[in-house]
C-alpha atoms as a PDB file:
ATOM      1  CA  MET A   1       2.314  52.468  11.656  1.00  0.00           C
ATOM      2  CA  ARG A   2      -0.954  54.175  13.585  1.00  0.00           C
ATOM      3  CA  SER A   3      -0.671  57.687  14.811  1.00  0.00           C
ATOM      4  CA  GLN A   4      -1.503  56.380  18.382  1.00  0.00           C
ATOM      5  CA  ARG A   5       0.529  53.924  20.567  1.00  0.00           C
ATOM      6  CA  PHE A   6      -0.897  50.478  21.247  1.00  0.00           C
ATOM      7  CA  ASN A   7      -1.623  50.728  25.402  1.00  0.00           C
ATOM      8  CA  LEU A   8      -0.891  46.849  26.762  1.00  0.00           C
ATOM      9  CA  GLN A   9      -3.080  47.224  29.517  1.00  0.00           C
ATOM     10  CA  PRO A  10      -6.138  49.812  28.820  1.00  0.00           C
ATOM     11  CA  HIS A  11      -9.320  49.860  31.016  1.00  0.00           C
ATOM     12  CA  LEU A  12     -12.373  48.536  28.445  1.00  0.00           C
ATOM     13  CA  ILE A  13     -15.939  48.474  29.760  1.00  0.00           C
ATOM     14  CA  GLY A  14     -18.483  46.287  28.469  1.00  0.00           C
ATOM     15  CA  GLU A  15     -22.191  45.298  29.701  1.00  0.00           C
ATOM     16  CA  LEU A  16     -20.844  41.782  32.055  1.00  0.00           C
ATOM     17  CA  LEU A  17     -16.985  43.014  32.381  1.00  0.00           C
ATOM     18  CA  GLU A  18     -14.815  45.286  33.013  1.00  0.00           C
ATOM     19  CA  LEU A  19     -11.412  44.651  32.045  1.00  0.00           C
ATOM     20  CA  ARG A  20      -8.747  46.831  33.423  1.00  0.00           C
ATOM     21  CA  PRO A  21      -4.799  46.620  34.388  1.00  0.00           C
ATOM     22  CA  LEU A  22      -4.129  43.635  36.611  1.00  0.00           C
ATOM     23  CA  SER A  23      -2.316  44.877  40.018  1.00  0.00           C
ATOM     24  CA  ALA A  24      -0.016  43.331  42.453  1.00  0.00           C
ATOM     25  CA  ASP A  25      -3.237  44.462  45.208  1.00  0.00           C
ATOM     26  CA  ASP A  26      -5.822  41.982  42.885  1.00  0.00           C
ATOM     27  CA  TRP A  27      -3.422  38.937  44.081  1.00  0.00           C
ATOM     28  CA  GLU A  28      -6.191  37.639  46.474  1.00  0.00           C
ATOM     29  CA  GLY A  29      -9.260  38.169  44.524  1.00  0.00           C
ATOM     30  CA  LEU A  30      -7.816  36.739  41.152  1.00  0.00           C
ATOM     31  CA  PHE A  31      -6.156  33.549  43.333  1.00  0.00           C
ATOM     32  CA  ALA A  32      -9.549  32.808  44.259  1.00  0.00           C
ATOM     33  CA  ALA A  33     -11.166  32.918  41.359  1.00  0.00           C
ATOM     34  CA  ALA A  34      -8.062  31.033  39.798  1.00  0.00           C
ATOM     35  CA  ALA A  35      -8.025  27.901  42.993  1.00  0.00           C
ATOM     36  CA  ASP A  36     -10.582  25.246  40.735  1.00  0.00           C
ATOM     37  CA  PRO A  37      -8.722  22.323  39.470  1.00  0.00           C
ATOM     38  CA  MET A  38     -11.614  22.146  36.850  1.00  0.00           C
ATOM     39  CA  ILE A  39     -10.650  25.004  35.352  1.00  0.00           C
ATOM     40  CA  TRP A  40      -6.835  24.348  34.581  1.00  0.00           C
ATOM     41  CA  GLU A  41      -7.545  20.346  33.932  1.00  0.00           C
ATOM     42  CA  LEU A  42      -7.211  20.784  29.813  1.00  0.00           C
ATOM     43  CA  HIS A  43      -4.445  22.657  30.332  1.00  0.00           C
ATOM     44  CA  PRO A  44      -0.683  22.012  29.677  1.00  0.00           C
ATOM     45  CA  ALA A  45      -0.240  23.725  33.360  1.00  0.00           C
ATOM     46  CA  HIS A  46      -3.041  21.840  34.750  1.00  0.00           C
ATOM     47  CA  ASP A  47      -0.985  22.124  38.190  1.00  0.00           C
ATOM     48  CA  ARG A  48      -1.789  26.426  38.391  1.00  0.00           C
ATOM     49  CA  TYR A  49      -4.825  25.930  40.095  1.00  0.00           C
ATOM     50  CA  LYS A  50      -2.201  25.580  43.483  1.00  0.00           C
ATOM     51  CA  GLU A  51      -0.916  28.646  44.463  1.00  0.00           C
ATOM     52  CA  GLU A  52       3.055  28.339  45.064  1.00  0.00           C
ATOM     53  CA  VAL A  53       2.617  28.181  40.732  1.00  0.00           C
ATOM     54  CA  PHE A  54      -0.637  30.343  40.266  1.00  0.00           C
ATOM     55  CA  ARG A  55       2.116  32.990  41.989  1.00  0.00           C
ATOM     56  CA  GLU A  56       4.627  32.849  39.644  1.00  0.00           C
ATOM     57  CA  TYR A  57       1.833  33.147  36.975  1.00  0.00           C
ATOM     58  CA  PHE A  58       0.901  35.962  38.522  1.00  0.00           C
ATOM     59  CA  GLN A  59       4.611  37.314  38.667  1.00  0.00           C
ATOM     60  CA  GLU A  60       4.839  36.590  35.623  1.00  0.00           C
ATOM     61  CA  ALA A  61       1.538  38.419  34.015  1.00  0.00           C
ATOM     62  CA  LEU A  62       2.380  41.545  36.261  1.00  0.00           C
ATOM     63  CA  ALA A  63       6.066  42.053  34.862  1.00  0.00           C
ATOM     64  CA  SER A  64       4.787  41.083  31.019  1.00  0.00           C
ATOM     65  CA  GLY A  65       2.823  44.660  31.027  1.00  0.00           C
ATOM     66  CA  GLY A  66       0.297  43.434  28.519  1.00  0.00           C
ATOM     67  CA  ALA A  67      -2.220  41.409  31.978  1.00  0.00           C
ATOM     68  CA  LEU A  68      -5.482  42.567  32.325  1.00  0.00           C
ATOM     69  CA  VAL A  69      -7.829  41.615  35.540  1.00  0.00           C
ATOM     70  CA  ALA A  70     -11.869  40.387  34.696  1.00  0.00           C
ATOM     71  CA  LEU A  71     -14.108  41.933  37.001  1.00  0.00           C
ATOM     72  CA  ASP A  72     -17.992  40.956  37.219  1.00  0.00           C
ATOM     73  CA  ARG A  73     -19.572  44.558  36.299  1.00  0.00           C
ATOM     74  CA  LYS A  74     -22.528  43.497  38.817  1.00  0.00           C
ATOM     75  CA  THR A  75     -20.546  43.114  41.374  1.00  0.00           C
ATOM     76  CA  GLN A  76     -17.344  43.848  41.100  1.00  0.00           C
ATOM     77  CA  LYS A  77     -16.061  41.297  41.994  1.00  0.00           C
ATOM     78  CA  ILE A  78     -12.647  39.255  40.159  1.00  0.00           C
ATOM     79  CA  ILE A  79     -13.541  36.682  37.827  1.00  0.00           C
ATOM     80  CA  GLY A  80     -10.546  35.828  35.776  1.00  0.00           C
ATOM     81  CA  SER A  81      -7.759  37.739  33.938  1.00  0.00           C
ATOM     82  CA  SER A  82      -6.464  37.677  30.152  1.00  0.00           C
ATOM     83  CA  ARG A  83      -3.190  39.589  28.542  1.00  0.00           C
ATOM     84  CA  TYR A  84      -1.907  41.154  25.148  1.00  0.00           C
ATOM     85  CA  PHE A  85       1.386  40.362  24.290  1.00  0.00           C
ATOM     86  CA  TRP A  86       3.455  41.451  21.004  1.00  0.00           C
ATOM     87  CA  TYR A  87       4.496  38.424  19.430  1.00  0.00           C
ATOM     88  CA  GLY A  88       6.150  37.000  16.261  1.00  0.00           C
ATOM     89  CA  PRO A  89       7.864  39.142  13.574  1.00  0.00           C
ATOM     90  CA  GLU A  90       5.194  40.957  12.105  1.00  0.00           C
ATOM     91  CA  PRO A  91       4.874  44.816  13.782  1.00  0.00           C
ATOM     92  CA  SER A  92       1.152  44.203  13.254  1.00  0.00           C
ATOM     93  CA  GLU A  93       0.309  40.568  14.797  1.00  0.00           C
ATOM     94  CA  LEU A  94      -0.698  40.788  18.115  1.00  0.00           C
ATOM     95  CA  GLU A  95      -0.967  38.206  20.750  1.00  0.00           C
ATOM     96  CA  ILE A  96      -4.133  37.524  23.145  1.00  0.00           C
ATOM     97  CA  GLY A  97      -3.565  34.416  25.700  1.00  0.00           C
ATOM     98  CA  TRP A  98      -3.292  33.398  29.413  1.00  0.00           C
ATOM     99  CA  THR A  99      -6.740  33.892  29.597  1.00  0.00           C
ATOM    100  CA  PHE A 100      -9.274  32.371  31.826  1.00  0.00           C
ATOM    101  CA  LEU A 101     -12.272  32.812  33.886  1.00  0.00           C
ATOM    102  CA  ALA A 102     -14.129  31.559  37.018  1.00  0.00           C
ATOM    103  CA  ARG A 103     -16.295  28.632  36.414  1.00  0.00           C
ATOM    104  CA  ALA A 104     -19.383  30.487  36.706  1.00  0.00           C
ATOM    105  CA  TYR A 105     -18.959  32.667  33.945  1.00  0.00           C
ATOM    106  CA  TRP A 106     -18.383  29.742  31.434  1.00  0.00           C
ATOM    107  CA  GLY A 107     -20.645  29.157  28.621  1.00  0.00           C
ATOM    108  CA  GLY A 108     -19.665  31.708  26.684  1.00  0.00           C
ATOM    109  CA  ASN A 109     -21.309  35.442  27.093  1.00  0.00           C
ATOM    110  CA  TYR A 110     -18.349  36.250  29.847  1.00  0.00           C
ATOM    111  CA  ASN A 111     -14.697  34.745  27.175  1.00  0.00           C
ATOM    112  CA  ARG A 112     -17.082  36.345  24.118  1.00  0.00           C
ATOM    113  CA  GLU A 113     -17.476  39.501  25.559  1.00  0.00           C
ATOM    114  CA  MET A 114     -13.525  39.671  27.069  1.00  0.00           C
ATOM    115  CA  LYS A 115     -11.987  38.951  23.690  1.00  0.00           C
ATOM    116  CA  ARG A 116     -14.886  41.382  21.391  1.00  0.00           C
ATOM    117  CA  LEU A 117     -13.666  43.858  24.060  1.00  0.00           C
ATOM    118  CA  MET A 118      -9.949  42.679  23.333  1.00  0.00           C
ATOM    119  CA  LEU A 119     -10.529  42.408  19.879  1.00  0.00           C
ATOM    120  CA  ASP A 120     -11.769  45.308  19.213  1.00  0.00           C
ATOM    121  CA  TYR A 121      -9.224  47.507  20.915  1.00  0.00           C
ATOM    122  CA  ALA A 122      -6.712  45.715  19.734  1.00  0.00           C
ATOM    123  CA  PHE A 123      -7.981  45.995  15.509  1.00  0.00           C
ATOM    124  CA  THR A 124      -7.353  49.997  15.621  1.00  0.00           C
ATOM    125  CA  PHE A 125      -3.511  49.089  15.518  1.00  0.00           C
ATOM    126  CA  VAL A 126      -2.873  45.913  13.888  1.00  0.00           C
ATOM    127  CA  ASP A 127      -4.649  43.759  11.571  1.00  0.00           C
ATOM    128  CA  HIS A 128      -3.726  40.123  13.177  1.00  0.00           C
ATOM    129  CA  VAL A 129      -4.412  38.714  16.406  1.00  0.00           C
ATOM    130  CA  ILE A 130      -2.915  35.020  17.387  1.00  0.00           C
ATOM    131  CA  PHE A 131      -3.977  32.934  20.098  1.00  0.00           C
ATOM    132  CA  ARG A 132      -1.628  30.072  21.227  1.00  0.00           C
ATOM    133  CA  VAL A 133      -3.560  27.073  22.200  1.00  0.00           C
ATOM    134  CA  GLY A 134      -2.026  23.516  23.946  1.00  0.00           C
ATOM    135  CA  THR A 135      -3.131  21.086  21.248  1.00  0.00           C
ATOM    136  CA  THR A 136      -4.594  18.917  24.253  1.00  0.00           C
ATOM    137  CA  ASN A 137      -6.678  22.196  25.476  1.00  0.00           C
ATOM    138  CA  LEU A 138      -9.974  21.437  24.102  1.00  0.00           C
ATOM    139  CA  ARG A 139     -11.977  23.587  25.588  1.00  0.00           C
ATOM    140  CA  SER A 140      -9.872  26.901  24.492  1.00  0.00           C
ATOM    141  CA  ARG A 141      -9.871  26.164  21.465  1.00  0.00           C
ATOM    142  CA  ARG A 142     -13.439  25.210  21.240  1.00  0.00           C
ATOM    143  CA  ALA A 143     -13.386  29.040  22.925  1.00  0.00           C
ATOM    144  CA  ILE A 144     -11.706  30.132  20.176  1.00  0.00           C
ATOM    145  CA  GLU A 145     -13.396  28.867  17.437  1.00  0.00           C
ATOM    146  CA  LYS A 146     -16.035  30.187  18.695  1.00  0.00           C
ATOM    147  CA  ILE A 147     -15.248  33.685  18.632  1.00  0.00           C
ATOM    148  CA  GLY A 148     -13.688  33.386  15.172  1.00  0.00           C
ATOM    149  CA  GLY A 149     -10.404  32.115  15.186  1.00  0.00           C
ATOM    150  CA  VAL A 150      -9.327  30.414  12.436  1.00  0.00           C
ATOM    151  CA  LEU A 151      -6.553  27.191  13.482  1.00  0.00           C
ATOM    152  CA  THR A 152      -2.960  28.114  11.233  1.00  0.00           C
ATOM    153  CA  ASP A 153      -0.581  25.690  10.056  1.00  0.00           C
ATOM    154  CA  ARG A 154       1.647  27.050  12.864  1.00  0.00           C
ATOM    155  CA  ARG A 155       2.636  24.886  15.337  1.00  0.00           C
ATOM    156  CA  GLU A 156       4.793  26.124  18.409  1.00  0.00           C
ATOM    157  CA  ARG A 157       7.070  23.945  21.026  1.00  0.00           C
ATOM    158  CA  ILE A 158       7.497  25.631  24.789  1.00  0.00           C
ATOM    159  CA  THR A 159       9.329  25.060  27.470  1.00  0.00           C
ATOM    160  CA  LEU A 160       6.555  24.779  30.598  1.00  0.00           C
ATOM    161  CA  ASN A 161       7.190  23.701  34.076  1.00  0.00           C
ATOM    162  CA  GLY A 162      10.689  21.635  32.211  1.00  0.00           C
ATOM    163  CA  ASN A 163       8.513  19.948  29.573  1.00  0.00           C
ATOM    164  CA  ILE A 164       7.858  20.258  26.350  1.00  0.00           C
ATOM    165  CA  VAL A 165       4.442  21.342  24.776  1.00  0.00           C
ATOM    166  CA  GLU A 166       2.980  21.991  21.926  1.00  0.00           C
ATOM    167  CA  HIS A 167       0.437  24.931  21.063  1.00  0.00           C
ATOM    168  CA  VAL A 168      -1.792  25.662  17.893  1.00  0.00           C
ATOM    169  CA  VAL A 169      -2.312  28.917  16.824  1.00  0.00           C
ATOM    170  CA  TYR A 170      -5.242  30.254  16.191  1.00  0.00           C
ATOM    171  CA  GLN A 171      -5.268  33.846  13.865  1.00  0.00           C
ATOM    172  CA  ILE A 172      -8.380  36.433  13.861  1.00  0.00           C
ATOM    173  CA  ASN A 173      -7.912  38.779  10.894  1.00  0.00           C
ATOM    174  CA  LYS A 174      -9.341  42.641  11.495  1.00  0.00           C
ATOM    175  CA  PRO A 175     -12.766  42.775   9.591  1.00  0.00           C
ATOM    176  CA  ALA A 176     -12.755  44.913   6.329  1.00  0.00           C
ATOM    177  CA  PRO A 177     -14.658  48.171   6.424  1.00  0.00           C
ATOM    178  CA  LEU A 178     -18.203  48.332   5.385  1.00  0.00           C
ATOM    179  CA  GLY A 179     -19.072  50.022   2.712  1.00  0.00           C
END
Protein backbone atom coordinates (compact mmCIF):
# COMPACT_ATOMS: atom_id res chain seq x y z
CA MET A 1 0.00 0.00 0.00
CA ARG A 2 2.60 2.57 1.05
CA SER A 3 6.35 2.17 0.76
CA GLN A 4 6.91 2.38 4.50
CA ARG A 5 5.63 -0.34 6.87
CA PHE A 6 3.19 0.55 9.65
CA ASN A 7 4.70 0.07 13.09
CA LEU A 8 1.98 -0.95 15.56
CA GLN A 9 4.11 0.37 18.42
CA PRO A 10 5.58 3.71 17.40
CA HIS A 11 7.08 6.15 19.88
CA LEU A 12 4.93 9.30 19.71
CA ILE A 13 5.59 12.51 21.64
CA GLY A 14 3.21 15.40 22.21
CA GLU A 15 3.16 18.42 24.49
CA LEU A 16 1.34 16.70 27.36
CA LEU A 17 2.12 13.04 26.93
CA GLU A 18 4.41 10.47 25.43
CA LEU A 19 3.26 7.20 23.93
CA ARG A 20 5.75 4.36 23.78
CA PRO A 21 5.58 0.59 23.32
CA LEU A 22 4.18 -1.27 26.33
CA SER A 23 6.65 -3.62 28.01
CA ALA A 24 6.35 -6.22 30.75
CA ASP A 25 8.17 -3.79 33.08
CA ASP A 26 5.17 -1.42 32.86
CA TRP A 27 2.89 -3.74 34.88
CA GLU A 28 3.13 -1.94 38.23
CA GLY A 29 2.72 1.59 36.86
CA LEU A 30 -0.08 0.69 34.47
CA PHE A 31 -2.02 -1.26 37.08
CA ALA A 32 -1.67 1.68 39.50
CA ALA A 33 -3.26 3.90 36.83
CA ALA A 34 -6.05 1.35 36.17
CA ALA A 35 -6.93 0.31 39.72
CA ASP A 36 -9.75 2.86 40.07
CA PRO A 37 -13.25 1.32 39.78
CA MET A 38 -14.67 4.58 38.36
CA ILE A 39 -12.52 4.23 35.23
CA TRP A 40 -14.33 1.02 34.34
CA GLU A 41 -17.86 1.65 35.68
CA LEU A 42 -19.39 2.17 32.20
CA HIS A 43 -17.06 -0.23 30.39
CA PRO A 44 -18.32 -3.72 29.49
CA ALA A 45 -15.42 -5.11 31.58
CA HIS A 46 -16.50 -3.11 34.62
CA ASP A 47 -14.30 -5.16 37.00
CA ARG A 48 -11.05 -4.44 35.16
CA TYR A 49 -9.80 -2.47 38.17
CA LYS A 50 -9.27 -5.82 39.96
CA GLU A 51 -5.71 -7.11 39.74
CA GLU A 52 -6.57 -10.57 38.38
CA VAL A 53 -8.84 -9.10 35.69
CA PHE A 54 -6.40 -6.36 34.74
CA ARG A 55 -3.54 -8.88 34.58
CA GLU A 56 -5.39 -10.70 31.77
CA TYR A 57 -5.94 -7.37 29.95
CA PHE A 58 -2.23 -6.53 30.41
CA GLN A 59 -1.10 -9.90 29.05
CA GLU A 60 -3.41 -9.52 26.03
CA ALA A 61 -2.01 -6.02 25.45
CA LEU A 62 1.57 -7.34 25.47
CA ALA A 63 0.63 -10.20 23.15
CA SER A 64 -1.19 -7.86 20.73
CA GLY A 65 2.02 -6.24 19.55
CA GLY A 66 0.16 -2.93 19.25
CA ALA A 67 -0.13 -1.63 22.81
CA LEU A 68 1.21 1.75 23.82
CA VAL A 69 1.67 3.09 27.33
CA ALA A 70 0.91 6.76 27.98
CA LEU A 71 3.23 8.81 30.17
CA ASP A 72 2.70 12.29 31.56
CA ARG A 73 5.64 14.21 30.05
CA LYS A 74 6.08 16.39 33.14
CA THR A 75 6.27 13.56 35.67
CA GLN A 76 7.13 10.56 33.43
CA LYS A 77 4.41 8.73 35.35
CA ILE A 78 2.34 6.09 33.53
CA ILE A 79 -1.19 7.47 33.16
CA GLY A 80 -2.89 4.99 30.82
CA SER A 81 -2.62 3.13 27.56
CA SER A 82 -4.09 2.59 24.11
CA ARG A 83 -3.63 0.15 21.25
CA TYR A 84 -3.51 -0.15 17.49
CA PHE A 85 -5.08 -3.22 15.89
CA TRP A 86 -5.48 -4.23 12.25
CA TYR A 87 -9.15 -4.80 11.82
CA GLY A 88 -11.65 -5.84 9.22
CA PRO A 89 -11.37 -6.85 5.61
CA GLU A 90 -10.18 -3.42 4.52
CA PRO A 91 -6.37 -3.23 4.41
CA SER A 92 -6.82 0.50 4.83
CA GLU A 93 -8.76 0.22 8.09
CA LEU A 94 -7.07 0.29 11.45
CA GLU A 95 -8.61 0.22 14.91
CA ILE A 96 -7.58 2.34 17.86
CA GLY A 97 -8.95 1.06 21.11
CA TRP A 98 -8.49 -0.40 24.56
CA THR A 99 -7.80 3.17 25.69
CA PHE A 100 -7.97 4.35 29.26
CA LEU A 101 -6.55 7.19 31.29
CA ALA A 102 -6.25 7.65 35.05
CA ARG A 103 -9.09 9.89 36.27
CA ALA A 104 -6.75 12.77 37.10
CA TYR A 105 -6.23 13.06 33.32
CA TRP A 106 -9.87 13.05 32.29
CA GLY A 107 -11.49 16.10 30.77
CA GLY A 108 -10.31 16.09 27.22
CA ASN A 109 -6.82 17.50 26.78
CA TYR A 110 -4.88 14.29 27.38
CA ASN A 111 -7.30 12.03 25.52
CA ARG A 112 -7.50 14.51 22.65
CA GLU A 113 -3.71 14.65 22.36
CA MET A 114 -3.36 10.87 22.63
CA LYS A 115 -5.87 10.33 19.84
CA ARG A 116 -4.40 13.15 17.71
CA LEU A 117 -0.93 11.60 17.94
CA MET A 118 -2.26 8.14 17.13
CA LEU A 119 -4.52 9.35 14.31
CA ASP A 120 -1.84 11.52 12.71
CA TYR A 121 0.54 8.56 12.65
CA ALA A 122 -2.15 6.14 11.42
CA PHE A 123 -3.22 8.43 8.59
CA THR A 124 0.26 8.30 7.08
CA PHE A 125 -0.62 4.66 6.27
CA VAL A 126 -4.41 4.15 6.25
CA ASP A 127 -7.53 5.97 5.09
CA HIS A 128 -9.92 4.97 7.90
CA VAL A 129 -9.60 4.48 11.64
CA ILE A 130 -12.35 2.82 13.61
CA PHE A 131 -13.19 2.72 17.29
CA ARG A 132 -15.35 -0.11 18.71
CA VAL A 133 -17.12 0.98 21.88
CA GLY A 134 -19.55 -0.86 24.13
CA THR A 135 -23.04 0.51 23.49
CA THR A 136 -23.49 1.42 27.17
CA ASN A 137 -20.08 3.07 27.54
CA LEU A 138 -21.43 6.60 27.14
CA ARG A 139 -18.30 8.29 28.49
CA SER A 140 -16.11 6.69 25.80
CA ARG A 141 -18.71 7.29 23.12
CA ARG A 142 -18.80 11.02 23.95
CA ALA A 143 -14.98 11.15 23.97
CA ILE A 144 -14.84 9.61 20.48
CA GLU A 145 -17.50 12.02 19.22
CA LYS A 146 -15.51 14.98 20.64
CA ILE A 147 -12.52 14.05 18.48
CA GLY A 148 -14.64 13.72 15.32
CA GLY A 149 -15.70 10.07 15.39
CA VAL A 150 -18.82 9.41 13.34
CA LEU A 151 -21.18 6.66 14.44
CA THR A 152 -21.58 4.09 11.67
CA ASP A 153 -24.35 1.54 11.09
CA ARG A 154 -21.94 -1.24 12.08
CA ARG A 155 -22.71 -3.17 15.24
CA GLU A 156 -20.66 -6.01 16.65
CA ARG A 157 -21.19 -8.57 19.31
CA ILE A 158 -18.19 -9.91 21.14
CA THR A 159 -17.89 -12.36 23.99
CA LEU A 160 -16.35 -10.79 27.08
CA ASN A 161 -15.95 -12.90 30.20
CA GLY A 162 -18.60 -15.31 28.92
CA ASN A 163 -21.13 -12.56 28.18
CA ILE A 164 -22.14 -11.26 24.77
CA VAL A 165 -21.56 -7.51 24.62
CA GLU A 166 -22.78 -5.28 21.80
CA HIS A 167 -20.42 -2.65 20.44
CA VAL A 168 -21.03 0.29 18.14
CA VAL A 169 -18.40 1.33 15.61
CA TYR A 170 -17.23 4.91 15.08
CA GLN A 171 -15.06 5.95 12.17
CA ILE A 172 -12.71 8.81 11.38
CA ASN A 173 -11.54 9.23 7.80
CA LYS A 174 -8.18 10.56 6.70
CA PRO A 175 -8.49 14.29 6.10
CA ALA A 176 -8.32 15.43 2.49
CA PRO A 177 -5.05 17.15 1.57
CA LEU A 178 -5.18 20.92 1.74
CA GLY A 179 -4.80 22.89 -1.42
